[in-house]
């Protein structure tokens, strides 16, 4: 059964953030809030956790396109090919924020991402995922929580999230109601921004 931790962005308790980080380090899965929708996350370097994440999404891990959640742009060079000044300026002006930027991947990606030509980088404008990544010391892999309802695309109520994912994840962070609009996905691999999915962010 998932453990429910009430952590609010106005005053995130350090001991609870540390508990989340320990769970991630031990290969656990979490559900966490962001500046857009609630999302599933795990340690990007833990292949077993990544496989569990793929199973929940009912896809093969080698076909998965999980975003990388960072707390700032300092992780870029670890995962991406060198980016030109104009693209870097665009990123700098829009992160943290409700955007996922698709960039060309380098060859140093974690095992679960090996072979990927591109990678989605996201820096949410929300203290909880930022603190988690900061204390973990490296990014987490992430994917939005979709709703099975054809009308409601994303689940916003933490209680309903717990109901559905209780036996699939280790921790659900209850941070109050989430948004129902996902991030805007922007492909910058050509050097020019191309919007792949309209979401909350406006370029």
N, C-alpha and C. Protein backbone atom coordinates (compact mmCIF):
# COMPACT_ATOMS: atom_id res chain seq x y z
N UNK A 1 0.83 -1.21 0.00
CA UNK A 1 0.00 0.00 0.00
C UNK A 1 0.86 1.25 0.00
N UNK A 2 0.40 2.24 -0.74
CA UNK A 2 1.15 3.49 -0.82
C UNK A 2 1.06 4.27 0.49
N UNK A 3 2.15 4.90 0.84
CA UNK A 3 2.15 5.78 2.00
C UNK A 3 1.77 7.18 1.52
N UNK A 4 0.85 7.83 2.21
CA UNK A 4 0.42 9.17 1.80
C UNK A 4 1.15 10.19 2.66
N UNK A 5 1.87 11.08 2.00
CA UNK A 5 2.57 12.15 2.71
C UNK A 5 1.96 13.48 2.32
N UNK A 6 1.45 14.21 3.30
CA UNK A 6 0.90 15.55 3.02
C UNK A 6 2.06 16.54 3.07
N UNK A 7 2.45 17.02 1.90
CA UNK A 7 3.54 18.01 1.82
C UNK A 7 3.01 19.19 1.00
N UNK A 8 3.06 20.35 1.59
CA UNK A 8 2.52 21.52 0.89
C UNK A 8 3.64 22.45 0.42
N UNK A 9 3.47 23.04 -0.76
CA UNK A 9 4.53 23.85 -1.36
C UNK A 9 4.94 25.05 -0.53
N UNK A 10 4.00 25.59 0.27
CA UNK A 10 4.32 26.79 1.06
C UNK A 10 5.38 26.48 2.13
N UNK A 11 5.37 25.24 2.64
CA UNK A 11 6.29 24.91 3.72
C UNK A 11 6.63 23.41 3.70
N UNK A 12 7.40 22.97 2.69
CA UNK A 12 7.70 21.53 2.59
C UNK A 12 8.60 21.08 3.75
N UNK A 13 8.12 20.11 4.52
CA UNK A 13 8.90 19.63 5.67
C UNK A 13 10.09 18.81 5.19
N UNK A 14 11.26 19.18 5.68
CA UNK A 14 12.50 18.53 5.24
C UNK A 14 12.51 17.04 5.51
N UNK A 15 11.99 16.63 6.68
CA UNK A 15 12.01 15.20 7.03
C UNK A 15 11.16 14.38 6.05
N UNK A 16 10.06 14.97 5.56
CA UNK A 16 9.20 14.24 4.61
C UNK A 16 9.85 14.18 3.23
N UNK A 17 10.49 15.26 2.83
CA UNK A 17 11.24 15.25 1.56
C UNK A 17 12.35 14.20 1.63
N UNK A 18 13.03 14.11 2.77
CA UNK A 18 14.09 13.11 2.95
C UNK A 18 13.54 11.69 2.85
N UNK A 19 12.33 11.50 3.35
CA UNK A 19 11.69 10.17 3.27
C UNK A 19 11.40 9.81 1.81
N UNK A 20 10.94 10.79 1.04
CA UNK A 20 10.68 10.56 -0.39
C UNK A 20 11.99 10.20 -1.11
N UNK A 21 13.04 10.94 -0.80
CA UNK A 21 14.34 10.70 -1.44
C UNK A 21 14.86 9.30 -1.11
N UNK A 22 14.72 8.90 0.14
CA UNK A 22 15.17 7.56 0.56
C UNK A 22 14.40 6.47 -0.20
N UNK A 23 13.10 6.70 -0.38
CA UNK A 23 12.27 5.74 -1.13
C UNK A 23 12.76 5.64 -2.57
N UNK A 24 13.07 6.78 -3.18
CA UNK A 24 13.59 6.76 -4.55
C UNK A 24 14.92 6.04 -4.62
N UNK A 25 15.79 6.30 -3.67
CA UNK A 25 17.11 5.65 -3.64
C UNK A 25 16.99 4.14 -3.50
N UNK A 26 15.91 3.70 -2.85
CA UNK A 26 15.68 2.26 -2.66
C UNK A 26 14.88 1.62 -3.80
N UNK A 27 14.70 2.38 -4.89
CA UNK A 27 14.01 1.83 -6.06
C UNK A 27 12.51 1.99 -6.04
N UNK A 28 12.00 2.83 -5.14
CA UNK A 28 10.56 3.04 -5.04
C UNK A 28 10.02 3.99 -6.09
N UNK A 29 8.70 3.95 -6.25
CA UNK A 29 8.00 4.86 -7.16
C UNK A 29 7.18 5.85 -6.34
N UNK A 30 7.12 7.07 -6.83
CA UNK A 30 6.35 8.09 -6.13
C UNK A 30 5.36 8.76 -7.09
N UNK A 31 4.34 9.35 -6.50
CA UNK A 31 3.46 10.25 -7.25
C UNK A 31 3.63 11.61 -6.59
N UNK A 32 3.93 12.61 -7.41
CA UNK A 32 4.28 13.91 -6.85
C UNK A 32 3.54 15.03 -7.59
N UNK A 33 3.39 16.19 -6.93
CA UNK A 33 2.74 17.33 -7.58
C UNK A 33 3.74 18.11 -8.43
N UNK A 34 3.24 18.90 -9.35
CA UNK A 34 4.11 19.79 -10.12
C UNK A 34 3.35 21.08 -10.41
N UNK A 35 3.93 21.92 -11.26
CA UNK A 35 3.23 23.15 -11.62
C UNK A 35 2.16 22.88 -12.67
N UNK A 36 2.05 21.62 -13.11
CA UNK A 36 0.99 21.24 -14.05
C UNK A 36 0.15 20.13 -13.41
N UNK A 37 0.35 18.90 -13.83
CA UNK A 37 -0.46 17.78 -13.32
C UNK A 37 0.36 16.92 -12.36
N UNK A 38 -0.35 16.07 -11.62
CA UNK A 38 0.35 15.08 -10.79
C UNK A 38 1.07 14.09 -11.72
N UNK A 39 2.22 13.59 -11.25
CA UNK A 39 3.03 12.72 -12.11
C UNK A 39 3.63 11.57 -11.31
N UNK A 40 3.97 10.51 -12.05
CA UNK A 40 4.69 9.36 -11.50
C UNK A 40 6.18 9.61 -11.69
N UNK A 41 6.97 9.24 -10.68
CA UNK A 41 8.41 9.45 -10.81
C UNK A 41 9.21 8.35 -10.15
N UNK A 42 10.46 8.19 -10.61
CA UNK A 42 11.38 7.25 -9.98
C UNK A 42 12.82 7.71 -10.25
N UNK A 43 13.75 7.06 -9.59
CA UNK A 43 15.17 7.38 -9.77
C UNK A 43 15.59 7.00 -11.19
N UNK A 44 16.13 7.97 -11.90
CA UNK A 44 16.49 7.79 -13.31
C UNK A 44 17.58 6.73 -13.51
N UNK A 45 18.35 6.47 -12.45
CA UNK A 45 19.47 5.51 -12.57
C UNK A 45 19.11 4.10 -12.11
N UNK A 46 17.87 3.93 -11.65
CA UNK A 46 17.48 2.61 -11.14
C UNK A 46 16.66 1.88 -12.21
N UNK A 47 17.28 0.93 -12.88
CA UNK A 47 16.66 0.26 -14.02
C UNK A 47 15.40 -0.51 -13.62
N UNK A 48 15.41 -1.12 -12.43
CA UNK A 48 14.22 -1.88 -11.98
C UNK A 48 13.05 -0.93 -11.74
N UNK A 49 13.32 0.22 -11.15
CA UNK A 49 12.26 1.21 -10.92
C UNK A 49 11.73 1.72 -12.26
N UNK A 50 12.63 1.93 -13.21
CA UNK A 50 12.24 2.39 -14.54
C UNK A 50 11.35 1.35 -15.23
N UNK A 51 11.66 0.07 -15.03
CA UNK A 51 10.84 -1.00 -15.62
C UNK A 51 9.44 -1.01 -15.00
N UNK A 52 9.38 -0.77 -13.68
CA UNK A 52 8.07 -0.71 -13.00
C UNK A 52 7.23 0.46 -13.54
N UNK A 53 7.92 1.58 -13.76
CA UNK A 53 7.25 2.76 -14.31
C UNK A 53 6.65 2.45 -15.68
N UNK A 54 7.42 1.75 -16.50
CA UNK A 54 6.96 1.37 -17.84
C UNK A 54 5.77 0.40 -17.76
N UNK A 55 5.83 -0.53 -16.80
CA UNK A 55 4.72 -1.49 -16.62
C UNK A 55 3.42 -0.77 -16.27
N UNK A 56 3.52 0.22 -15.37
CA UNK A 56 2.32 0.99 -14.98
C UNK A 56 1.72 1.67 -16.20
N UNK A 57 2.58 2.17 -17.08
CA UNK A 57 2.12 2.87 -18.28
C UNK A 57 1.77 1.91 -19.42
N UNK A 58 1.97 0.59 -19.14
CA UNK A 58 1.66 -0.46 -20.12
C UNK A 58 2.43 -0.28 -21.44
N UNK A 59 3.71 0.05 -21.30
CA UNK A 59 4.58 0.14 -22.48
C UNK A 59 5.91 -0.54 -22.17
N UNK A 60 6.62 -0.89 -23.24
CA UNK A 60 7.96 -1.44 -23.05
C UNK A 60 8.91 -0.30 -22.70
N UNK A 61 9.86 -0.58 -21.81
CA UNK A 61 10.78 0.46 -21.37
C UNK A 61 11.56 1.06 -22.54
N UNK A 62 11.94 0.21 -23.50
CA UNK A 62 12.73 0.74 -24.63
C UNK A 62 11.89 1.60 -25.59
N UNK A 63 10.58 1.59 -25.39
CA UNK A 63 9.69 2.44 -26.21
C UNK A 63 9.20 3.67 -25.42
N UNK A 64 9.54 3.69 -24.13
CA UNK A 64 9.05 4.77 -23.27
C UNK A 64 9.75 6.09 -23.58
N UNK A 65 9.02 7.17 -23.38
CA UNK A 65 9.59 8.51 -23.56
C UNK A 65 9.40 9.30 -22.27
N UNK A 66 10.00 8.81 -21.21
CA UNK A 66 9.83 9.48 -19.92
C UNK A 66 10.66 10.75 -19.86
N UNK A 67 10.05 11.82 -19.38
CA UNK A 67 10.77 13.08 -19.23
C UNK A 67 11.80 12.96 -18.11
N UNK A 68 12.78 13.84 -18.17
CA UNK A 68 13.77 13.95 -17.09
C UNK A 68 13.46 15.23 -16.32
N UNK A 69 13.18 15.07 -15.03
CA UNK A 69 12.85 16.22 -14.19
C UNK A 69 14.12 16.71 -13.50
N UNK A 70 14.48 17.96 -13.77
CA UNK A 70 15.65 18.58 -13.16
C UNK A 70 15.21 19.71 -12.24
N UNK A 71 16.12 20.17 -11.39
CA UNK A 71 15.75 21.32 -10.55
C UNK A 71 16.32 22.63 -11.11
N UNK A 72 17.19 22.52 -12.12
CA UNK A 72 17.66 23.69 -12.87
C UNK A 72 18.31 23.18 -14.15
N UNK A 73 18.97 24.06 -14.89
CA UNK A 73 19.53 23.65 -16.19
C UNK A 73 20.95 23.07 -16.08
N UNK A 74 21.47 22.95 -14.86
CA UNK A 74 22.85 22.48 -14.70
C UNK A 74 23.03 21.03 -15.15
N UNK A 75 21.94 20.25 -15.24
CA UNK A 75 22.06 18.84 -15.66
C UNK A 75 22.08 18.67 -17.18
N UNK A 76 21.85 19.75 -17.91
CA UNK A 76 21.71 19.63 -19.37
C UNK A 76 22.89 18.93 -20.01
N UNK A 77 24.09 19.38 -19.69
CA UNK A 77 25.28 18.84 -20.38
C UNK A 77 25.49 17.36 -20.09
N UNK A 78 24.90 16.87 -18.98
CA UNK A 78 25.04 15.44 -18.65
C UNK A 78 24.26 14.57 -19.62
N UNK A 79 23.18 15.11 -20.19
CA UNK A 79 22.28 14.30 -21.00
C UNK A 79 22.15 14.74 -22.46
N UNK A 80 22.51 15.97 -22.75
CA UNK A 80 22.25 16.50 -24.10
C UNK A 80 23.53 16.88 -24.84
N UNK A 81 23.41 16.91 -26.15
CA UNK A 81 24.50 17.41 -26.97
C UNK A 81 24.59 18.92 -26.75
N UNK A 82 25.75 19.52 -27.06
CA UNK A 82 25.87 20.97 -26.88
C UNK A 82 24.75 21.70 -27.61
N UNK A 83 24.17 22.70 -26.94
CA UNK A 83 23.07 23.45 -27.56
C UNK A 83 23.52 24.87 -27.86
N UNK A 84 22.97 25.43 -28.94
CA UNK A 84 23.43 26.77 -29.32
C UNK A 84 22.85 27.84 -28.39
N UNK A 85 23.40 29.02 -28.51
CA UNK A 85 23.07 30.12 -27.60
C UNK A 85 21.59 30.49 -27.63
N UNK A 86 21.01 30.50 -28.83
CA UNK A 86 19.60 30.90 -28.96
C UNK A 86 18.68 29.92 -28.23
N UNK A 87 18.97 28.62 -28.36
CA UNK A 87 18.15 27.60 -27.69
C UNK A 87 18.34 27.70 -26.17
N UNK A 88 19.60 27.89 -25.76
CA UNK A 88 19.86 27.99 -24.32
C UNK A 88 19.14 29.20 -23.73
N UNK A 89 19.13 30.29 -24.48
CA UNK A 89 18.45 31.51 -24.02
C UNK A 89 16.94 31.25 -23.87
N UNK A 90 16.39 30.52 -24.86
CA UNK A 90 14.96 30.18 -24.80
C UNK A 90 14.65 29.37 -23.54
N UNK A 91 15.49 28.36 -23.28
CA UNK A 91 15.29 27.53 -22.09
C UNK A 91 15.41 28.36 -20.82
N UNK A 92 16.44 29.17 -20.77
CA UNK A 92 16.70 30.00 -19.58
C UNK A 92 15.53 30.93 -19.27
N UNK A 93 14.88 31.42 -20.35
CA UNK A 93 13.75 32.33 -20.18
C UNK A 93 12.45 31.63 -19.78
N UNK A 94 12.40 30.29 -19.95
CA UNK A 94 11.14 29.59 -19.71
C UNK A 94 11.20 28.50 -18.64
N UNK A 95 12.34 28.38 -17.98
CA UNK A 95 12.41 27.42 -16.86
C UNK A 95 12.88 28.17 -15.61
N UNK A 96 12.37 27.79 -14.44
CA UNK A 96 11.35 26.76 -14.28
C UNK A 96 10.00 27.21 -14.85
N UNK A 97 9.23 26.25 -15.31
CA UNK A 97 7.93 26.56 -15.88
C UNK A 97 7.26 25.33 -16.46
N UNK A 98 6.03 25.49 -16.97
CA UNK A 98 5.23 24.35 -17.46
C UNK A 98 5.59 23.90 -18.87
N UNK A 99 6.88 23.64 -19.09
CA UNK A 99 7.35 23.22 -20.41
C UNK A 99 8.18 21.95 -20.31
N UNK A 100 8.09 21.12 -21.36
CA UNK A 100 9.02 20.01 -21.55
C UNK A 100 9.75 20.31 -22.85
N UNK A 101 11.07 20.44 -22.79
CA UNK A 101 11.86 20.74 -23.98
C UNK A 101 12.53 19.48 -24.51
N UNK A 102 12.28 19.19 -25.79
CA UNK A 102 12.91 18.03 -26.43
C UNK A 102 14.25 18.48 -27.01
N UNK A 103 15.32 17.82 -26.56
CA UNK A 103 16.67 18.16 -26.98
C UNK A 103 17.38 16.93 -27.53
N UNK A 104 18.45 17.14 -28.28
CA UNK A 104 19.24 16.02 -28.78
C UNK A 104 20.00 15.39 -27.63
N UNK A 105 19.89 14.07 -27.51
CA UNK A 105 20.55 13.37 -26.41
C UNK A 105 22.00 13.06 -26.76
N UNK A 106 22.85 13.00 -25.72
CA UNK A 106 24.22 12.53 -25.95
C UNK A 106 24.30 11.05 -25.60
N UNK A 107 25.51 10.50 -25.57
CA UNK A 107 25.67 9.05 -25.35
C UNK A 107 25.81 8.68 -23.89
N UNK A 108 25.68 9.67 -23.00
CA UNK A 108 25.86 9.39 -21.57
C UNK A 108 24.54 9.20 -20.82
N UNK A 109 23.47 8.94 -21.56
CA UNK A 109 22.17 8.77 -20.91
C UNK A 109 22.17 7.57 -19.97
N UNK A 110 21.34 7.61 -18.92
CA UNK A 110 21.21 6.44 -18.05
C UNK A 110 20.76 5.22 -18.86
N UNK A 111 21.03 4.05 -18.32
CA UNK A 111 20.79 2.79 -19.01
C UNK A 111 19.40 2.68 -19.64
N UNK A 112 18.37 3.10 -18.91
CA UNK A 112 17.00 2.97 -19.40
C UNK A 112 16.73 3.81 -20.65
N UNK A 113 17.58 4.79 -20.91
CA UNK A 113 17.38 5.70 -22.05
C UNK A 113 18.33 5.40 -23.20
N UNK A 114 19.17 4.39 -23.04
CA UNK A 114 20.20 4.10 -24.06
C UNK A 114 19.57 3.94 -25.45
N UNK A 115 20.21 4.56 -26.42
CA UNK A 115 19.71 4.46 -27.79
C UNK A 115 18.78 5.58 -28.17
N UNK A 116 18.28 6.33 -27.18
CA UNK A 116 17.39 7.45 -27.49
C UNK A 116 18.16 8.57 -28.18
N UNK A 117 17.60 9.08 -29.25
CA UNK A 117 18.23 10.18 -29.98
C UNK A 117 17.88 11.53 -29.35
N UNK A 118 16.73 11.58 -28.69
CA UNK A 118 16.29 12.82 -28.05
C UNK A 118 15.87 12.55 -26.62
N UNK A 119 15.77 13.63 -25.85
CA UNK A 119 15.36 13.51 -24.46
C UNK A 119 14.50 14.72 -24.09
N UNK A 120 13.46 14.48 -23.27
CA UNK A 120 12.60 15.57 -22.81
C UNK A 120 13.05 16.06 -21.45
N UNK A 121 13.41 17.32 -21.36
CA UNK A 121 13.89 17.90 -20.10
C UNK A 121 12.82 18.84 -19.54
N UNK A 122 12.58 18.72 -18.24
CA UNK A 122 11.56 19.56 -17.62
C UNK A 122 12.05 20.07 -16.27
N UNK A 123 11.82 21.36 -16.00
CA UNK A 123 12.13 21.95 -14.69
C UNK A 123 10.83 22.58 -14.17
N UNK A 124 10.07 21.84 -13.37
CA UNK A 124 8.78 22.36 -12.90
C UNK A 124 8.97 23.56 -11.97
N UNK A 125 8.05 24.50 -12.06
CA UNK A 125 8.05 25.66 -11.17
C UNK A 125 7.25 25.30 -9.92
N UNK A 126 7.80 24.37 -9.15
CA UNK A 126 7.13 23.86 -7.95
C UNK A 126 8.21 23.40 -6.98
N UNK A 127 8.16 23.86 -5.74
CA UNK A 127 9.26 23.56 -4.81
C UNK A 127 9.42 22.08 -4.47
N UNK A 128 8.35 21.30 -4.51
CA UNK A 128 8.46 19.90 -4.07
C UNK A 128 9.33 19.07 -5.01
N UNK A 129 9.03 19.00 -6.33
CA UNK A 129 9.94 18.24 -7.20
C UNK A 129 11.35 18.84 -7.24
N UNK A 130 11.45 20.16 -7.13
CA UNK A 130 12.78 20.79 -7.12
C UNK A 130 13.60 20.32 -5.92
N UNK A 131 12.97 20.29 -4.75
CA UNK A 131 13.66 19.84 -3.54
C UNK A 131 14.03 18.36 -3.61
N UNK A 132 13.11 17.55 -4.15
CA UNK A 132 13.37 16.11 -4.26
C UNK A 132 14.61 15.87 -5.12
N UNK A 133 14.66 16.51 -6.28
CA UNK A 133 15.80 16.33 -7.20
C UNK A 133 17.09 16.87 -6.56
N UNK A 134 16.98 18.01 -5.91
CA UNK A 134 18.16 18.61 -5.26
C UNK A 134 18.74 17.68 -4.21
N UNK A 135 17.87 17.11 -3.37
CA UNK A 135 18.34 16.23 -2.29
C UNK A 135 18.77 14.86 -2.81
N UNK A 136 18.13 14.39 -3.87
CA UNK A 136 18.52 13.11 -4.47
C UNK A 136 19.89 13.24 -5.13
N UNK A 137 20.16 14.43 -5.67
CA UNK A 137 21.48 14.67 -6.28
C UNK A 137 21.52 14.46 -7.78
N UNK A 138 20.41 14.00 -8.34
CA UNK A 138 20.31 13.84 -9.79
C UNK A 138 18.83 13.81 -10.18
N UNK A 139 18.52 13.95 -11.48
CA UNK A 139 17.12 14.02 -11.91
C UNK A 139 16.32 12.74 -11.65
N UNK A 140 15.01 12.88 -11.75
CA UNK A 140 14.11 11.73 -11.71
C UNK A 140 13.44 11.58 -13.07
N UNK A 141 13.06 10.34 -13.38
CA UNK A 141 12.26 10.08 -14.59
C UNK A 141 10.80 10.32 -14.24
N UNK A 142 10.04 10.80 -15.22
CA UNK A 142 8.68 11.19 -14.90
C UNK A 142 7.72 10.99 -16.06
N UNK A 143 6.46 10.74 -15.70
CA UNK A 143 5.39 10.66 -16.69
C UNK A 143 4.09 11.08 -16.02
N UNK A 144 3.27 11.84 -16.75
CA UNK A 144 2.02 12.36 -16.19
C UNK A 144 1.05 11.24 -15.85
N UNK A 145 0.23 11.50 -14.85
CA UNK A 145 -0.84 10.56 -14.49
C UNK A 145 -2.04 10.84 -15.39
N UNK A 146 -2.35 9.89 -16.22
CA UNK A 146 -3.52 10.02 -17.10
C UNK A 146 -4.74 9.45 -16.40
N UNK A 147 -5.89 9.96 -16.77
CA UNK A 147 -7.14 9.43 -16.22
C UNK A 147 -7.77 8.50 -17.26
N UNK A 148 -8.43 7.44 -16.80
CA UNK A 148 -9.09 6.51 -17.73
C UNK A 148 -10.35 7.11 -18.34
N UNK A 149 -10.86 8.16 -17.70
CA UNK A 149 -12.07 8.83 -18.18
C UNK A 149 -11.78 9.53 -19.51
N UNK A 150 -12.68 9.40 -20.45
CA UNK A 150 -12.47 10.01 -21.77
C UNK A 150 -12.66 11.53 -21.74
N UNK A 151 -13.38 12.00 -20.75
CA UNK A 151 -13.64 13.44 -20.65
C UNK A 151 -12.55 14.12 -19.82
N UNK A 152 -12.26 13.53 -18.65
CA UNK A 152 -11.24 14.10 -17.77
C UNK A 152 -9.90 13.48 -18.15
N UNK A 153 -8.98 14.30 -18.65
CA UNK A 153 -7.72 13.73 -19.11
C UNK A 153 -6.75 13.44 -17.98
N UNK A 154 -6.76 14.29 -16.96
CA UNK A 154 -5.82 14.13 -15.84
C UNK A 154 -6.55 14.14 -14.51
N UNK A 155 -6.13 13.26 -13.60
CA UNK A 155 -6.72 13.21 -12.27
C UNK A 155 -6.12 14.33 -11.43
N UNK A 156 -6.97 15.11 -10.78
CA UNK A 156 -6.48 16.25 -10.00
C UNK A 156 -6.62 16.06 -8.50
N UNK A 157 -7.45 15.11 -8.09
CA UNK A 157 -7.75 14.91 -6.67
C UNK A 157 -6.82 13.83 -6.08
N UNK A 158 -5.96 14.20 -5.11
CA UNK A 158 -5.03 13.22 -4.53
C UNK A 158 -5.71 11.99 -3.96
N UNK A 159 -6.92 12.15 -3.42
CA UNK A 159 -7.63 10.99 -2.85
C UNK A 159 -7.98 9.97 -3.93
N UNK A 160 -8.39 10.46 -5.09
CA UNK A 160 -8.69 9.55 -6.22
C UNK A 160 -7.42 8.92 -6.76
N UNK A 161 -6.33 9.68 -6.72
CA UNK A 161 -5.03 9.16 -7.17
C UNK A 161 -4.60 8.00 -6.28
N UNK A 162 -4.74 8.19 -4.98
CA UNK A 162 -4.38 7.13 -4.01
C UNK A 162 -5.21 5.89 -4.27
N UNK A 163 -6.51 6.09 -4.49
CA UNK A 163 -7.43 4.98 -4.75
C UNK A 163 -6.95 4.13 -5.93
N UNK A 164 -6.52 4.80 -6.98
CA UNK A 164 -6.15 4.10 -8.20
C UNK A 164 -4.74 3.49 -8.15
N UNK A 165 -3.81 4.19 -7.50
CA UNK A 165 -2.40 3.77 -7.57
C UNK A 165 -1.88 3.16 -6.26
N UNK A 166 -2.79 2.91 -5.32
CA UNK A 166 -2.42 2.45 -3.99
C UNK A 166 -1.43 1.29 -3.99
N UNK A 167 -1.65 0.31 -4.85
CA UNK A 167 -0.80 -0.89 -4.84
C UNK A 167 0.29 -0.85 -5.91
N UNK A 168 0.42 0.29 -6.58
CA UNK A 168 1.39 0.39 -7.67
C UNK A 168 2.60 1.24 -7.32
N UNK A 169 2.43 2.14 -6.36
CA UNK A 169 3.53 3.03 -5.99
C UNK A 169 3.80 2.96 -4.50
N UNK A 170 4.92 3.53 -4.07
CA UNK A 170 5.30 3.47 -2.65
C UNK A 170 4.85 4.69 -1.87
N UNK A 171 4.87 5.86 -2.53
CA UNK A 171 4.48 7.10 -1.86
C UNK A 171 3.61 7.94 -2.78
N UNK A 172 2.54 8.49 -2.22
CA UNK A 172 1.76 9.52 -2.92
C UNK A 172 1.90 10.80 -2.11
N UNK A 173 2.41 11.84 -2.74
CA UNK A 173 2.52 13.14 -2.06
C UNK A 173 1.22 13.90 -2.31
N UNK A 174 0.52 14.16 -1.22
CA UNK A 174 -0.72 14.93 -1.30
C UNK A 174 -0.37 16.39 -1.08
N UNK A 175 -0.51 17.18 -2.14
CA UNK A 175 -0.18 18.59 -2.06
C UNK A 175 -1.40 19.44 -2.42
N UNK A 176 -2.57 18.84 -2.19
CA UNK A 176 -3.81 19.53 -2.57
C UNK A 176 -4.15 19.24 -4.02
N UNK A 177 -5.20 19.86 -4.50
CA UNK A 177 -5.64 19.61 -5.87
C UNK A 177 -4.58 20.02 -6.89
N UNK A 178 -4.42 19.19 -7.92
CA UNK A 178 -3.48 19.51 -8.99
C UNK A 178 -4.18 20.20 -10.14
N UNK A 179 -3.39 20.54 -11.15
CA UNK A 179 -3.94 21.15 -12.35
C UNK A 179 -4.43 20.04 -13.28
N UNK A 180 -5.19 20.41 -14.31
CA UNK A 180 -5.63 19.39 -15.27
C UNK A 180 -5.10 19.69 -16.67
N UNK A 181 -4.06 20.52 -16.71
CA UNK A 181 -3.43 20.86 -17.99
C UNK A 181 -1.96 20.49 -17.91
N UNK A 182 -1.51 19.64 -18.81
CA UNK A 182 -0.12 19.17 -18.78
C UNK A 182 0.83 20.24 -19.33
N UNK A 183 2.11 19.91 -19.33
CA UNK A 183 3.10 20.86 -19.83
C UNK A 183 3.02 21.00 -21.34
N UNK A 184 3.47 22.11 -21.84
CA UNK A 184 3.62 22.31 -23.28
C UNK A 184 4.92 21.65 -23.71
N UNK A 185 4.85 20.81 -24.74
CA UNK A 185 6.07 20.13 -25.22
C UNK A 185 6.63 20.89 -26.42
N UNK A 186 7.89 21.28 -26.30
CA UNK A 186 8.54 22.08 -27.33
C UNK A 186 9.78 21.35 -27.84
N UNK A 187 9.79 21.05 -29.14
CA UNK A 187 10.94 20.40 -29.77
C UNK A 187 11.91 21.48 -30.25
N UNK A 188 13.14 21.46 -29.71
CA UNK A 188 14.14 22.46 -30.13
C UNK A 188 15.34 21.79 -30.80
N UNK A 189 15.15 20.55 -31.25
CA UNK A 189 16.28 19.82 -31.86
C UNK A 189 16.76 20.44 -33.16
N UNK A 190 15.89 21.18 -33.85
CA UNK A 190 16.29 21.80 -35.12
C UNK A 190 16.90 23.19 -34.90
N UNK A 191 16.86 23.65 -33.65
CA UNK A 191 17.34 25.00 -33.37
C UNK A 191 16.20 26.01 -33.31
N UNK A 192 15.06 25.63 -33.93
CA UNK A 192 13.87 26.48 -33.90
C UNK A 192 12.80 25.79 -33.06
N UNK A 193 12.15 26.51 -32.14
CA UNK A 193 11.13 25.86 -31.31
C UNK A 193 9.90 25.42 -32.11
N UNK A 194 9.53 24.16 -31.93
CA UNK A 194 8.32 23.63 -32.58
C UNK A 194 7.44 23.03 -31.50
N UNK A 195 6.22 23.53 -31.38
CA UNK A 195 5.33 23.03 -30.33
C UNK A 195 4.70 21.72 -30.77
N UNK A 196 5.00 20.66 -29.99
CA UNK A 196 4.51 19.32 -30.28
C UNK A 196 3.16 19.09 -29.61
N UNK A 197 3.00 19.68 -28.41
CA UNK A 197 1.73 19.56 -27.69
C UNK A 197 1.46 20.88 -26.96
N UNK A 198 0.29 21.44 -27.23
CA UNK A 198 -0.12 22.65 -26.50
C UNK A 198 -0.53 22.24 -25.09
N UNK A 199 0.01 22.94 -24.12
CA UNK A 199 -0.35 22.66 -22.74
C UNK A 199 -0.47 23.95 -21.95
N UNK A 200 -0.05 23.91 -20.72
CA UNK A 200 -0.21 25.07 -19.85
C UNK A 200 0.74 26.23 -20.23
N UNK A 201 1.94 25.87 -20.70
CA UNK A 201 2.93 26.89 -20.98
C UNK A 201 2.68 27.62 -22.30
N UNK A 202 2.93 28.94 -22.30
CA UNK A 202 2.79 29.74 -23.51
C UNK A 202 4.15 30.34 -23.84
N UNK A 203 4.66 30.00 -25.01
CA UNK A 203 5.98 30.52 -25.42
C UNK A 203 5.89 31.99 -25.78
